[in-house]
């Protein structure tokens, strides 16, 4: 296994933009959010477990009503912890499988809960993308078509910036130009044996 970068940070901070840039630089990007969507498709064991704990979150066609589940768990820390307990083991297993199967020498794990899941143990180093609350709020409301209350609930359900500053080797602030994020990523890449 070569270099594995853990990419994390709160919702609306710009992780996806950073992951896309690293992919352009040759990284094989493992997107934890994409895996999280896959494990809750009909027929997947995670969806069966979720439906047993949160009975009214399935649509008539058997698919997950993501908006309804989100409004439930992001307003209730205990419910969110229960959901994470169900989904994390499936997500971690899939990420470990992709790393083990791959022959890539440069991998990025793009995961909002990288640290909370213990995925940082697989990483050479961890980078957190941070941003102020106003920018995050605007991005989340626009991206996910959420109300201000729902967007704030998602932000407040995640750790504050100091958590990432304590646990990550590199912090990149994304409060202005995207180019500044790319320059900061380039500086980190220069330090790595790629």
Protein backbone atom coordinates (compact mmCIF):
# COMPACT_ATOMS: atom_id res chain seq x y z
CA UNK A 1 0.00 0.00 0.00
CA UNK A 2 1.24 3.45 -0.89
CA UNK A 3 0.07 6.82 0.39
CA UNK A 4 -3.44 6.98 1.88
CA UNK A 5 -4.82 10.45 2.62
CA UNK A 6 -7.81 10.78 4.90
CA UNK A 7 -9.93 13.73 3.80
CA UNK A 8 -12.51 14.95 6.30
CA UNK A 9 -14.37 17.96 7.66
CA UNK A 10 -17.92 19.04 8.32
CA UNK A 11 -20.73 19.12 5.79
CA UNK A 12 -20.55 22.10 3.47
CA UNK A 13 -16.82 22.69 4.00
CA UNK A 14 -15.71 21.66 0.50
CA UNK A 15 -14.43 18.09 0.88
CA UNK A 16 -15.88 17.06 -2.49
CA UNK A 17 -14.08 19.88 -4.28
CA UNK A 18 -10.81 18.86 -2.60
CA UNK A 19 -11.40 15.18 -3.46
CA UNK A 20 -12.06 16.04 -7.11
CA UNK A 21 -8.83 18.03 -7.24
CA UNK A 22 -6.84 15.17 -5.67
CA UNK A 23 -8.41 12.78 -8.19
CA UNK A 24 -7.17 15.05 -10.99
CA UNK A 25 -3.72 14.75 -9.38
CA UNK A 26 -3.87 10.96 -9.76
CA UNK A 27 -5.53 9.80 -6.55
CA UNK A 28 -7.94 6.88 -6.39
CA UNK A 29 -10.77 8.45 -4.36
CA UNK A 30 -12.93 6.30 -2.10
CA UNK A 31 -16.10 8.30 -1.38
CA UNK A 32 -17.64 7.21 1.93
CA UNK A 33 -20.88 9.09 1.15
CA UNK A 34 -21.25 7.12 -2.09
CA UNK A 35 -20.70 3.87 -0.18
CA UNK A 36 -23.22 5.02 2.45
CA UNK A 37 -25.81 5.49 -0.31
CA UNK A 38 -25.07 2.05 -1.76
CA UNK A 39 -25.43 0.17 1.54
CA UNK A 40 -28.98 1.50 2.03
CA UNK A 41 -30.29 0.38 -1.35
CA UNK A 42 -33.18 -2.14 -1.37
CA UNK A 43 -31.99 -5.65 -0.55
CA UNK A 44 -28.96 -4.46 1.42
CA UNK A 45 -28.73 -5.67 5.05
CA UNK A 46 -28.08 -2.14 6.36
CA UNK A 47 -31.44 -0.97 4.99
CA UNK A 48 -33.23 -3.87 6.70
CA UNK A 49 -31.62 -2.91 10.02
CA UNK A 50 -32.45 0.78 9.56
CA UNK A 51 -36.10 0.02 8.72
CA UNK A 52 -36.38 -2.13 11.85
CA UNK A 53 -35.17 0.72 14.08
CA UNK A 54 -36.78 3.64 12.19
CA UNK A 55 -40.10 2.13 11.03
CA UNK A 56 -41.47 4.96 8.88
CA UNK A 57 -38.47 5.77 6.70
CA UNK A 58 -39.21 3.54 3.70
CA UNK A 59 -41.07 4.82 0.66
CA UNK A 60 -43.84 2.66 -0.88
CA UNK A 61 -41.34 1.21 -3.40
CA UNK A 62 -39.07 0.01 -0.57
CA UNK A 63 -36.38 2.64 -1.03
CA UNK A 64 -35.11 4.79 1.81
CA UNK A 65 -36.75 8.16 2.34
CA UNK A 66 -33.43 9.91 2.92
CA UNK A 67 -34.98 13.30 3.63
CA UNK A 68 -37.28 11.88 6.32
CA UNK A 69 -34.48 9.86 7.93
CA UNK A 70 -32.21 12.91 7.83
CA UNK A 71 -34.78 15.13 9.53
CA UNK A 72 -35.18 12.49 12.26
CA UNK A 73 -31.52 11.81 13.02
CA UNK A 74 -30.04 15.28 12.60
CA UNK A 75 -32.48 16.65 15.17
CA UNK A 76 -31.75 13.87 17.71
CA UNK A 77 -28.17 12.94 18.67
CA UNK A 78 -29.25 9.57 20.10
CA UNK A 79 -31.03 8.64 16.86
CA UNK A 80 -27.97 9.72 14.85
CA UNK A 81 -25.71 7.58 17.04
CA UNK A 82 -28.04 4.61 16.46
CA UNK A 83 -27.98 5.14 12.68
CA UNK A 84 -24.18 5.49 12.69
CA UNK A 85 -23.87 2.30 14.75
CA UNK A 86 -25.80 0.44 12.06
CA UNK A 87 -24.11 1.91 9.00
CA UNK A 88 -20.48 2.41 10.04
CA UNK A 89 -19.48 -1.26 10.08
CA UNK A 90 -20.77 -1.73 6.51
CA UNK A 91 -19.03 1.42 5.30
CA UNK A 92 -15.73 0.54 7.00
CA UNK A 93 -15.79 -3.02 5.63
CA UNK A 94 -16.33 -1.73 2.08
CA UNK A 95 -13.54 0.86 2.36
CA UNK A 96 -11.11 -1.74 3.73
CA UNK A 97 -12.07 -4.09 0.89
CA UNK A 98 -11.44 -1.39 -1.75
CA UNK A 99 -8.03 -0.59 -0.25
CA UNK A 100 -7.06 -4.26 0.01
CA UNK A 101 -8.20 -5.05 -3.54
CA UNK A 102 -6.60 -2.00 -5.10
CA UNK A 103 -3.16 -1.75 -6.54
CA UNK A 104 -3.19 2.05 -6.34
CA UNK A 105 -0.22 3.80 -4.78
CA UNK A 106 -2.15 7.02 -4.01
CA UNK A 107 -5.53 6.70 -2.32
CA UNK A 108 -7.84 9.31 -0.79
CA UNK A 109 -10.57 8.29 1.67
CA UNK A 110 -13.17 11.08 1.48
CA UNK A 111 -15.18 10.57 4.68
CA UNK A 112 -16.98 13.10 6.87
CA UNK A 113 -16.76 10.69 9.83
CA UNK A 114 -13.23 9.49 9.09
CA UNK A 115 -12.00 10.13 12.63
CA UNK A 116 -15.14 9.01 14.45
CA UNK A 117 -15.11 5.69 12.54
CA UNK A 118 -11.43 5.05 13.22
CA UNK A 119 -10.62 5.10 9.49
CA UNK A 120 -7.68 7.40 10.24
CA UNK A 121 -5.80 4.24 11.32
CA UNK A 122 -5.60 3.34 7.60
CA UNK A 123 -4.17 6.75 6.62
CA UNK A 124 -0.67 8.06 6.08
CA UNK A 125 -2.00 11.50 7.06
CA UNK A 126 -5.33 13.28 7.54
CA UNK A 127 -6.45 16.57 6.03
CA UNK A 128 -9.50 18.47 7.29
CA UNK A 129 -11.26 21.05 5.16
CA UNK A 130 -12.84 23.68 7.42
CA UNK A 131 -15.08 26.64 6.71
CA UNK A 132 -17.04 29.19 8.71
CA UNK A 133 -20.65 28.46 9.62
CA UNK A 134 -22.14 31.10 7.29
CA UNK A 135 -20.41 29.65 4.22
CA UNK A 136 -21.35 26.11 5.22
CA UNK A 137 -24.97 27.07 5.80
CA UNK A 138 -25.24 28.72 2.39
CA UNK A 139 -23.59 25.76 0.60
CA UNK A 140 -25.72 23.12 2.34
CA UNK A 141 -29.01 24.94 1.78
CA UNK A 142 -28.19 25.44 -1.90
CA UNK A 143 -26.71 21.96 -2.50
CA UNK A 144 -29.31 19.88 -0.63
CA UNK A 145 -32.34 22.18 -0.98
CA UNK A 146 -32.77 22.32 2.81
CA UNK A 147 -34.36 24.83 5.12
CA UNK A 148 -32.05 26.89 7.33
CA UNK A 149 -33.17 24.86 10.38
CA UNK A 150 -32.43 21.52 8.71
CA UNK A 151 -29.05 22.78 7.48
CA UNK A 152 -28.16 24.07 10.97
CA UNK A 153 -29.18 20.72 12.50
CA UNK A 154 -26.72 18.96 10.17
CA UNK A 155 -23.91 21.37 11.04
CA UNK A 156 -24.62 21.13 14.77
CA UNK A 157 -24.70 17.32 14.65
CA UNK A 158 -21.01 17.32 13.61
CA UNK A 159 -17.89 18.19 15.59
CA UNK A 160 -16.67 21.77 15.78
CA UNK A 161 -13.48 22.78 13.92
CA UNK A 162 -11.28 22.35 17.01
CA UNK A 163 -11.97 18.58 16.86
CA UNK A 164 -10.40 18.41 13.38
CA UNK A 165 -7.55 20.73 14.39
CA UNK A 166 -6.72 18.34 17.24
CA UNK A 167 -6.81 15.13 15.19
CA UNK A 168 -5.60 16.03 11.69
CA UNK A 169 -2.07 16.75 10.51
CA UNK A 170 -3.25 19.42 8.05
CA UNK A 171 -6.11 21.95 8.17
CA UNK A 172 -7.20 23.82 5.04
CA UNK A 173 -9.56 26.77 5.41
CA UNK A 174 -12.12 27.09 2.61
CA UNK A 175 -13.68 30.51 3.13
CA UNK A 176 -12.78 32.18 -0.13
CA UNK A 177 -11.37 31.12 -3.43
CA UNK A 178 -11.26 27.45 -4.43
CA UNK A 179 -7.79 28.11 -5.84
CA UNK A 180 -6.43 28.71 -2.33
CA UNK A 181 -7.59 25.20 -1.34
CA UNK A 182 -5.82 23.73 -4.37
CA UNK A 183 -2.60 25.61 -3.58
CA UNK A 184 -2.72 24.27 -0.01
CA UNK A 185 -3.31 20.71 -1.30
CA UNK A 186 -0.37 21.04 -3.72
CA UNK A 187 1.90 22.07 -0.83
CA UNK A 188 0.89 18.95 1.12
CA UNK A 189 1.36 16.67 -1.92
CA UNK A 190 4.92 17.97 -2.38
CA UNK A 191 5.79 16.54 1.04
CA UNK A 192 4.60 13.04 0.13
CA UNK A 193 6.46 10.21 -1.61
CA UNK A 194 4.19 10.08 -4.68
